[in-house]
């Protein structure tokens, strides 16, 4: 299995294992307050809500870790031990390289701005290979389906997912928000303290959480598969530098 897909599956399994645990608690609750084996006290309703709300943190962790790995994989492939020249990168990655080298996203004084520009100029004049590439990820606690689509477009390819996966992640679940947007919002609300774990889990069922997980996972898996295909086809390079069988794609 591809490394990206393997890492994604590992994180996915963590979430599913936790939801299975919550399902067992909910099943027990039909016959009275659930109780862990060996515990003296049963799990209270408040504690269940807290446990439920943790799913949003786990799902966001899955989203951010997955996208971060995918973006880093593109940067690693483009540098590939100094095999490629800047001119061989596709237009989008070339822009990312210039942004990284010129440090256009950093507030620099005049002297350091000149040094960055000079280093970029020398790199091109001397036809040095690309050995480092830092792709500005953004996101920073704000990863949802729209941000994922934006970064994919910025890297230089078009996201192609099935109709079912796309509609599943876009379908409004609460307050007009789709699955990833809801995960992002609740995760940030919990992280910034604007909502308590008890409030976050109030009125939520394991069935709700499982549906949210399914929508998130189905979309993310196809996103990862898009990245894998992008890398396997060397689409991070200009067409002329791709292997013969991919030059016309």
C-alpha atoms as a PDB file:
ATOM      1  CA  UNK A   1       0.000   0.000   0.000  1.00  0.00           C
ATOM      2  CA  UNK A   2       1.221   3.503  -0.789  1.00  0.00           C
ATOM      3  CA  UNK A   3       2.864   5.249   2.171  1.00  0.00           C
ATOM      4  CA  UNK A   4       0.330   8.102   2.089  1.00  0.00           C
ATOM      5  CA  UNK A   5      -2.619   5.734   2.044  1.00  0.00           C
ATOM      6  CA  UNK A   6      -1.035   3.596   4.754  1.00  0.00           C
ATOM      7  CA  UNK A   7      -0.578   6.562   7.089  1.00  0.00           C
ATOM      8  CA  UNK A   8      -4.128   7.689   6.389  1.00  0.00           C
ATOM      9  CA  UNK A   9      -5.530   4.240   7.155  1.00  0.00           C
ATOM     10  CA  UNK A  10      -3.639   4.119  10.466  1.00  0.00           C
ATOM     11  CA  UNK A  11      -5.146   7.422  11.637  1.00  0.00           C
ATOM     12  CA  UNK A  12      -8.561   6.412  10.320  1.00  0.00           C
ATOM     13  CA  UNK A  13      -8.435   3.217  12.356  1.00  0.00           C
ATOM     14  CA  UNK A  14      -7.773   5.211  15.529  1.00  0.00           C
ATOM     15  CA  UNK A  15     -10.982   7.186  15.018  1.00  0.00           C
ATOM     16  CA  UNK A  16     -13.027   4.108  14.148  1.00  0.00           C
ATOM     17  CA  UNK A  17     -11.730   2.213  17.178  1.00  0.00           C
ATOM     18  CA  UNK A  18     -12.747   5.082  19.430  1.00  0.00           C
ATOM     19  CA  UNK A  19     -16.215   5.336  17.878  1.00  0.00           C
ATOM     20  CA  UNK A  20     -16.667   1.586  18.348  1.00  0.00           C
ATOM     21  CA  UNK A  21     -15.872   2.124  22.029  1.00  0.00           C
ATOM     22  CA  UNK A  22     -18.488   4.869  22.239  1.00  0.00           C
ATOM     23  CA  UNK A  23     -20.984   2.576  20.541  1.00  0.00           C
ATOM     24  CA  UNK A  24     -20.450  -0.047  23.234  1.00  0.00           C
ATOM     25  CA  UNK A  25     -21.132   2.565  25.918  1.00  0.00           C
ATOM     26  CA  UNK A  26     -24.272   3.722  24.161  1.00  0.00           C
ATOM     27  CA  UNK A  27     -25.485   0.129  23.812  1.00  0.00           C
ATOM     28  CA  UNK A  28     -24.922  -0.469  27.530  1.00  0.00           C
ATOM     29  CA  UNK A  29     -26.792   2.735  28.378  1.00  0.00           C
ATOM     30  CA  UNK A  30     -30.033   1.203  27.117  1.00  0.00           C
ATOM     31  CA  UNK A  31     -30.028  -0.965  30.256  1.00  0.00           C
ATOM     32  CA  UNK A  32     -28.877   1.757  32.616  1.00  0.00           C
ATOM     33  CA  UNK A  33     -25.746   3.893  33.113  1.00  0.00           C
ATOM     34  CA  UNK A  34     -22.776   2.211  31.342  1.00  0.00           C
ATOM     35  CA  UNK A  35     -19.879   1.028  33.450  1.00  0.00           C
ATOM     36  CA  UNK A  36     -16.336   0.074  32.538  1.00  0.00           C
ATOM     37  CA  UNK A  37     -15.210  -3.354  33.721  1.00  0.00           C
ATOM     38  CA  UNK A  38     -13.602  -3.086  37.132  1.00  0.00           C
ATOM     39  CA  UNK A  39     -14.814   0.478  37.727  1.00  0.00           C
ATOM     40  CA  UNK A  40     -16.770   1.262  40.876  1.00  0.00           C
ATOM     41  CA  UNK A  41     -18.816   4.092  39.447  1.00  0.00           C
ATOM     42  CA  UNK A  42     -20.818   4.097  36.201  1.00  0.00           C
ATOM     43  CA  UNK A  43     -20.087   6.601  33.438  1.00  0.00           C
ATOM     44  CA  UNK A  44     -22.284   9.668  33.898  1.00  0.00           C
ATOM     45  CA  UNK A  45     -24.220  11.390  31.140  1.00  0.00           C
ATOM     46  CA  UNK A  46     -21.837  14.341  31.367  1.00  0.00           C
ATOM     47  CA  UNK A  47     -18.832  12.066  30.969  1.00  0.00           C
ATOM     48  CA  UNK A  48     -20.405  10.470  27.908  1.00  0.00           C
ATOM     49  CA  UNK A  49     -20.882  13.903  26.345  1.00  0.00           C
ATOM     50  CA  UNK A  50     -17.221  14.721  27.005  1.00  0.00           C
ATOM     51  CA  UNK A  51     -16.172  11.444  25.402  1.00  0.00           C
ATOM     52  CA  UNK A  52     -18.378  12.127  22.378  1.00  0.00           C
ATOM     53  CA  UNK A  53     -16.975  15.618  21.840  1.00  0.00           C
ATOM     54  CA  UNK A  54     -13.448  14.213  21.627  1.00  0.00           C
ATOM     55  CA  UNK A  55     -14.339  12.698  18.252  1.00  0.00           C
ATOM     56  CA  UNK A  56     -14.220  16.161  16.694  1.00  0.00           C
ATOM     57  CA  UNK A  57     -10.626  16.561  17.874  1.00  0.00           C
ATOM     58  CA  UNK A  58      -9.689  13.169  16.472  1.00  0.00           C
ATOM     59  CA  UNK A  59     -11.344  13.853  13.140  1.00  0.00           C
ATOM     60  CA  UNK A  60      -9.601  17.201  12.793  1.00  0.00           C
ATOM     61  CA  UNK A  61      -6.313  15.521  13.650  1.00  0.00           C
ATOM     62  CA  UNK A  62      -7.017  13.081  10.814  1.00  0.00           C
ATOM     63  CA  UNK A  63      -7.747  15.926   8.387  1.00  0.00           C
ATOM     64  CA  UNK A  64      -4.694  18.049   9.187  1.00  0.00           C
ATOM     65  CA  UNK A  65      -2.226  15.164   9.420  1.00  0.00           C
ATOM     66  CA  UNK A  66      -3.457  13.745   6.113  1.00  0.00           C
ATOM     67  CA  UNK A  67      -3.187  16.996   4.179  1.00  0.00           C
ATOM     68  CA  UNK A  68       0.171  17.862   5.733  1.00  0.00           C
ATOM     69  CA  UNK A  69       1.624  14.493   4.720  1.00  0.00           C
ATOM     70  CA  UNK A  70       0.287  14.848   1.178  1.00  0.00           C
ATOM     71  CA  UNK A  71       1.735  18.331   0.695  1.00  0.00           C
ATOM     72  CA  UNK A  72       5.083  17.293   2.147  1.00  0.00           C
ATOM     73  CA  UNK A  73       5.137  14.285  -0.201  1.00  0.00           C
ATOM     74  CA  UNK A  74       4.865  16.628  -3.203  1.00  0.00           C
ATOM     75  CA  UNK A  75       7.753  18.741  -1.924  1.00  0.00           C
ATOM     76  CA  UNK A  76       9.891  15.638  -1.335  1.00  0.00           C
ATOM     77  CA  UNK A  77       9.145  14.288  -4.821  1.00  0.00           C
ATOM     78  CA  UNK A  78      10.018  17.622  -6.438  1.00  0.00           C
ATOM     79  CA  UNK A  79      13.394  17.811  -4.711  1.00  0.00           C
ATOM     80  CA  UNK A  80      14.217  14.080  -5.127  1.00  0.00           C
ATOM     81  CA  UNK A  81      17.900  14.289  -4.139  1.00  0.00           C
ATOM     82  CA  UNK A  82      18.548  17.225  -6.454  1.00  0.00           C
ATOM     83  CA  UNK A  83      17.456  15.535  -9.690  1.00  0.00           C
ATOM     84  CA  UNK A  84      15.292  18.350 -11.077  1.00  0.00           C
ATOM     85  CA  UNK A  85      15.977  21.919 -12.139  1.00  0.00           C
ATOM     86  CA  UNK A  86      13.646  24.793 -11.336  1.00  0.00           C
ATOM     87  CA  UNK A  87      12.623  25.043 -14.992  1.00  0.00           C
ATOM     88  CA  UNK A  88      11.417  21.430 -14.860  1.00  0.00           C
ATOM     89  CA  UNK A  89       8.832  22.024 -12.136  1.00  0.00           C
ATOM     90  CA  UNK A  90       5.283  22.773 -13.221  1.00  0.00           C
ATOM     91  CA  UNK A  91       4.249  26.421 -13.121  1.00  0.00           C
ATOM     92  CA  UNK A  92       2.494  26.132  -9.777  1.00  0.00           C
ATOM     93  CA  UNK A  93       5.392  24.454  -7.953  1.00  0.00           C
ATOM     94  CA  UNK A  94       7.839  26.854  -9.563  1.00  0.00           C
ATOM     95  CA  UNK A  95       5.841  29.673  -7.996  1.00  0.00           C
ATOM     96  CA  UNK A  96       5.997  27.897  -4.646  1.00  0.00           C
ATOM     97  CA  UNK A  97       9.774  27.566  -5.018  1.00  0.00           C
ATOM     98  CA  UNK A  98      10.145  31.276  -5.800  1.00  0.00           C
ATOM     99  CA  UNK A  99       7.922  32.158  -2.844  1.00  0.00           C
ATOM    100  CA  UNK A 100      10.064  29.972  -0.603  1.00  0.00           C
ATOM    101  CA  UNK A 101      13.426  31.198  -1.886  1.00  0.00           C
ATOM    102  CA  UNK A 102      12.486  34.880  -2.001  1.00  0.00           C
ATOM    103  CA  UNK A 103      10.692  34.505   1.346  1.00  0.00           C
ATOM    104  CA  UNK A 104       7.823  36.621   0.076  1.00  0.00           C
ATOM    105  CA  UNK A 105       5.614  35.435   2.922  1.00  0.00           C
ATOM    106  CA  UNK A 106       8.056  36.686   5.583  1.00  0.00           C
ATOM    107  CA  UNK A 107       8.413  40.244   6.854  1.00  0.00           C
ATOM    108  CA  UNK A 108      12.093  40.986   6.131  1.00  0.00           C
ATOM    109  CA  UNK A 109      14.203  44.118   6.424  1.00  0.00           C
ATOM    110  CA  UNK A 110      15.813  45.529   3.269  1.00  0.00           C
ATOM    111  CA  UNK A 111      19.147  43.771   3.789  1.00  0.00           C
ATOM    112  CA  UNK A 112      17.640  40.325   4.276  1.00  0.00           C
ATOM    113  CA  UNK A 113      15.207  40.883   1.406  1.00  0.00           C
ATOM    114  CA  UNK A 114      18.192  41.643  -0.836  1.00  0.00           C
ATOM    115  CA  UNK A 115      20.048  38.533   0.383  1.00  0.00           C
ATOM    116  CA  UNK A 116      17.055  36.332  -0.399  1.00  0.00           C
ATOM    117  CA  UNK A 117      16.696  37.857  -3.866  1.00  0.00           C
ATOM    118  CA  UNK A 118      20.426  37.444  -4.536  1.00  0.00           C
ATOM    119  CA  UNK A 119      20.355  33.777  -3.474  1.00  0.00           C
ATOM    120  CA  UNK A 120      17.439  33.129  -5.805  1.00  0.00           C
ATOM    121  CA  UNK A 121      19.249  34.889  -8.639  1.00  0.00           C
ATOM    122  CA  UNK A 122      22.491  32.929  -8.087  1.00  0.00           C
ATOM    123  CA  UNK A 123      20.547  29.665  -7.930  1.00  0.00           C
ATOM    124  CA  UNK A 124      19.068  30.330 -11.369  1.00  0.00           C
ATOM    125  CA  UNK A 125      22.269  31.658 -12.957  1.00  0.00           C
ATOM    126  CA  UNK A 126      24.262  28.651 -11.775  1.00  0.00           C
ATOM    127  CA  UNK A 127      21.502  26.226 -12.786  1.00  0.00           C
ATOM    128  CA  UNK A 128      21.534  24.546  -9.411  1.00  0.00           C
ATOM    129  CA  UNK A 129      19.120  21.661  -8.861  1.00  0.00           C
ATOM    130  CA  UNK A 130      16.129  22.028  -6.574  1.00  0.00           C
ATOM    131  CA  UNK A 131      17.193  20.529  -3.243  1.00  0.00           C
ATOM    132  CA  UNK A 132      14.745  22.276  -0.928  1.00  0.00           C
ATOM    133  CA  UNK A 133      11.130  23.254  -1.411  1.00  0.00           C
ATOM    134  CA  UNK A 134       8.867  24.588   1.286  1.00  0.00           C
ATOM    135  CA  UNK A 135       5.216  24.691   0.277  1.00  0.00           C
ATOM    136  CA  UNK A 136       3.315  27.207   2.359  1.00  0.00           C
ATOM    137  CA  UNK A 137       0.456  25.165   3.787  1.00  0.00           C
ATOM    138  CA  UNK A 138      -1.683  27.778   5.440  1.00  0.00           C
ATOM    139  CA  UNK A 139      -4.547  25.962   7.121  1.00  0.00           C
ATOM    140  CA  UNK A 140      -3.372  26.437  10.686  1.00  0.00           C
ATOM    141  CA  UNK A 141      -6.475  25.087  12.365  1.00  0.00           C
ATOM    142  CA  UNK A 142      -8.693  25.977   9.431  1.00  0.00           C
ATOM    143  CA  UNK A 143      -8.546  22.895   7.235  1.00  0.00           C
ATOM    144  CA  UNK A 144     -11.873  21.993   5.666  1.00  0.00           C
ATOM    145  CA  UNK A 145     -12.935  20.809   2.213  1.00  0.00           C
ATOM    146  CA  UNK A 146     -12.686  24.321   0.727  1.00  0.00           C
ATOM    147  CA  UNK A 147      -9.152  24.848   2.041  1.00  0.00           C
ATOM    148  CA  UNK A 148      -8.158  21.415   0.761  1.00  0.00           C
ATOM    149  CA  UNK A 149      -9.479  22.248  -2.697  1.00  0.00           C
ATOM    150  CA  UNK A 150      -7.596  25.558  -2.621  1.00  0.00           C
ATOM    151  CA  UNK A 151      -4.217  24.038  -1.717  1.00  0.00           C
ATOM    152  CA  UNK A 152      -4.607  21.336  -4.365  1.00  0.00           C
ATOM    153  CA  UNK A 153      -5.332  23.985  -6.982  1.00  0.00           C
ATOM    154  CA  UNK A 154      -2.325  25.993  -5.799  1.00  0.00           C
ATOM    155  CA  UNK A 155      -0.042  22.976  -6.120  1.00  0.00           C
ATOM    156  CA  UNK A 156      -1.110  22.562  -9.713  1.00  0.00           C
ATOM    157  CA  UNK A 157      -3.742  19.900 -10.179  1.00  0.00           C
ATOM    158  CA  UNK A 158      -7.510  19.529 -10.030  1.00  0.00           C
ATOM    159  CA  UNK A 159      -9.270  17.546  -7.329  1.00  0.00           C
ATOM    160  CA  UNK A 160     -11.297  14.729  -8.828  1.00  0.00           C
ATOM    161  CA  UNK A 161     -13.533  12.915  -6.343  1.00  0.00           C
ATOM    162  CA  UNK A 162     -16.663  10.853  -6.785  1.00  0.00           C
ATOM    163  CA  UNK A 163     -20.074  12.493  -6.669  1.00  0.00           C
ATOM    164  CA  UNK A 164     -21.010  10.536  -3.542  1.00  0.00           C
ATOM    165  CA  UNK A 165     -17.876  11.594  -1.625  1.00  0.00           C
ATOM    166  CA  UNK A 166     -18.246  15.224  -2.693  1.00  0.00           C
ATOM    167  CA  UNK A 167     -21.953  15.485  -1.894  1.00  0.00           C
ATOM    168  CA  UNK A 168     -21.407  13.657   1.398  1.00  0.00           C
ATOM    169  CA  UNK A 169     -18.847  16.141   2.665  1.00  0.00           C
ATOM    170  CA  UNK A 170     -20.799  19.164   1.383  1.00  0.00           C
ATOM    171  CA  UNK A 171     -24.206  18.126   2.715  1.00  0.00           C
ATOM    172  CA  UNK A 172     -25.228  20.452   5.595  1.00  0.00           C
ATOM    173  CA  UNK A 173     -25.323  18.665   8.948  1.00  0.00           C
ATOM    174  CA  UNK A 174     -25.686  21.472  11.466  1.00  0.00           C
ATOM    175  CA  UNK A 175     -26.084  25.246  11.148  1.00  0.00           C
ATOM    176  CA  UNK A 176     -25.719  24.882   7.372  1.00  0.00           C
ATOM    177  CA  UNK A 177     -22.208  23.423   7.672  1.00  0.00           C
ATOM    178  CA  UNK A 178     -20.933  20.313   5.926  1.00  0.00           C
ATOM    179  CA  UNK A 179     -18.894  17.609   7.635  1.00  0.00           C
ATOM    180  CA  UNK A 180     -15.372  19.046   7.417  1.00  0.00           C
ATOM    181  CA  UNK A 181     -16.552  22.578   8.066  1.00  0.00           C
ATOM    182  CA  UNK A 182     -18.389  21.380  11.176  1.00  0.00           C
ATOM    183  CA  UNK A 183     -15.374  19.396  12.391  1.00  0.00           C
ATOM    184  CA  UNK A 184     -13.169  22.459  11.911  1.00  0.00           C
ATOM    185  CA  UNK A 185     -15.553  24.773  13.735  1.00  0.00           C
ATOM    186  CA  UNK A 186     -16.142  22.518  16.737  1.00  0.00           C
ATOM    187  CA  UNK A 187     -12.465  21.625  17.021  1.00  0.00           C
ATOM    188  CA  UNK A 188     -11.547  25.325  17.059  1.00  0.00           C
ATOM    189  CA  UNK A 189     -14.325  26.141  19.514  1.00  0.00           C
ATOM    190  CA  UNK A 190     -13.001  23.466  21.866  1.00  0.00           C
ATOM    191  CA  UNK A 191      -9.373  24.505  21.371  1.00  0.00           C
ATOM    192  CA  UNK A 192     -10.119  28.173  22.064  1.00  0.00           C
ATOM    193  CA  UNK A 193     -12.411  27.469  24.984  1.00  0.00           C
ATOM    194  CA  UNK A 194     -15.501  29.086  23.457  1.00  0.00           C
ATOM    195  CA  UNK A 195     -17.464  25.894  24.091  1.00  0.00           C
ATOM    196  CA  UNK A 196     -17.097  23.219  26.761  1.00  0.00           C
ATOM    197  CA  UNK A 197     -16.682  19.528  25.985  1.00  0.00           C
ATOM    198  CA  UNK A 198     -20.020  18.865  27.663  1.00  0.00           C
ATOM    199  CA  UNK A 199     -21.789  21.468  25.524  1.00  0.00           C
ATOM    200  CA  UNK A 200     -20.113  20.145  22.393  1.00  0.00           C
ATOM    201  CA  UNK A 201     -21.333  16.603  23.027  1.00  0.00           C
ATOM    202  CA  UNK A 202     -24.837  17.597  24.059  1.00  0.00           C
ATOM    203  CA  UNK A 203     -27.574  16.021  21.925  1.00  0.00           C
ATOM    204  CA  UNK A 204     -25.056  14.006  19.887  1.00  0.00           C
ATOM    205  CA  UNK A 205     -25.424  10.267  19.248  1.00  0.00           C
ATOM    206  CA  UNK A 206     -22.855   7.724  18.141  1.00  0.00           C
ATOM    207  CA  UNK A 207     -24.835   7.413  14.907  1.00  0.00           C
ATOM    208  CA  UNK A 208     -24.276  11.148  14.295  1.00  0.00           C
ATOM    209  CA  UNK A 209     -20.570  10.786  14.940  1.00  0.00           C
ATOM    210  CA  UNK A 210     -20.269   7.735  12.726  1.00  0.00           C
ATOM    211  CA  UNK A 211     -21.975   9.525   9.826  1.00  0.00           C
ATOM    212  CA  UNK A 212     -19.666  12.499  10.322  1.00  0.00           C
ATOM    213  CA  UNK A 213     -16.681  10.168  10.347  1.00  0.00           C
ATOM    214  CA  UNK A 214     -17.844   8.348   7.214  1.00  0.00           C
ATOM    215  CA  UNK A 215     -18.311  11.589   5.257  1.00  0.00           C
ATOM    216  CA  UNK A 216     -14.906  12.849   6.369  1.00  0.00           C
ATOM    217  CA  UNK A 217     -13.072   9.593   5.690  1.00  0.00           C
ATOM    218  CA  UNK A 218     -14.684   8.961   2.290  1.00  0.00           C
ATOM    219  CA  UNK A 219     -13.693  12.423   1.081  1.00  0.00           C
ATOM    220  CA  UNK A 220     -10.184  12.322   2.539  1.00  0.00           C
ATOM    221  CA  UNK A 221      -9.412   8.912   1.109  1.00  0.00           C
ATOM    222  CA  UNK A 222     -10.190  10.132  -2.397  1.00  0.00           C
ATOM    223  CA  UNK A 223      -8.097  13.253  -1.767  1.00  0.00           C
ATOM    224  CA  UNK A 224      -5.151  11.029  -0.805  1.00  0.00           C
ATOM    225  CA  UNK A 225      -5.709   8.889  -3.898  1.00  0.00           C
ATOM    226  CA  UNK A 226      -5.600  12.078  -5.991  1.00  0.00           C
ATOM    227  CA  UNK A 227      -2.249  12.996  -4.464  1.00  0.00           C
ATOM    228  CA  UNK A 228      -0.904   9.487  -5.045  1.00  0.00           C
ATOM    229  CA  UNK A 229      -1.903   9.650  -8.713  1.00  0.00           C
ATOM    230  CA  UNK A 230      -0.424  13.139  -9.029  1.00  0.00           C
ATOM    231  CA  UNK A 231       2.909  11.857  -7.742  1.00  0.00           C
ATOM    232  CA  UNK A 232       2.902   8.603  -9.697  1.00  0.00           C
ATOM    233  CA  UNK A 233       2.282  10.509 -12.929  1.00  0.00           C
ATOM    234  CA  UNK A 234       5.004  13.076 -12.121  1.00  0.00           C
ATOM    235  CA  UNK A 235       2.473  15.864 -12.585  1.00  0.00           C
ATOM    236  CA  UNK A 236       4.608  18.108 -10.370  1.00  0.00           C
ATOM    237  CA  UNK A 237       6.901  18.414 -13.417  1.00  0.00           C
ATOM    238  CA  UNK A 238       6.279  20.066 -16.766  1.00  0.00           C
ATOM    239  CA  UNK A 239       4.914  17.545 -19.326  1.00  0.00           C
ATOM    240  CA  UNK A 240       8.204  17.301 -21.222  1.00  0.00           C
ATOM    241  CA  UNK A 241      10.045  16.004 -18.170  1.00  0.00           C
ATOM    242  CA  UNK A 242       7.539  13.320 -17.197  1.00  0.00           C
ATOM    243  CA  UNK A 243       8.067   9.665 -18.109  1.00  0.00           C
ATOM    244  CA  UNK A 244       7.016   8.981 -21.694  1.00  0.00           C
ATOM    245  CA  UNK A 245       3.719   7.290 -20.803  1.00  0.00           C
ATOM    246  CA  UNK A 246       2.602  10.361 -18.819  1.00  0.00           C
ATOM    247  CA  UNK A 247       3.767  13.120 -21.192  1.00  0.00           C
ATOM    248  CA  UNK A 248       0.451  13.422 -22.942  1.00  0.00           C
ATOM    249  CA  UNK A 249      -1.655  13.547 -19.776  1.00  0.00           C
END
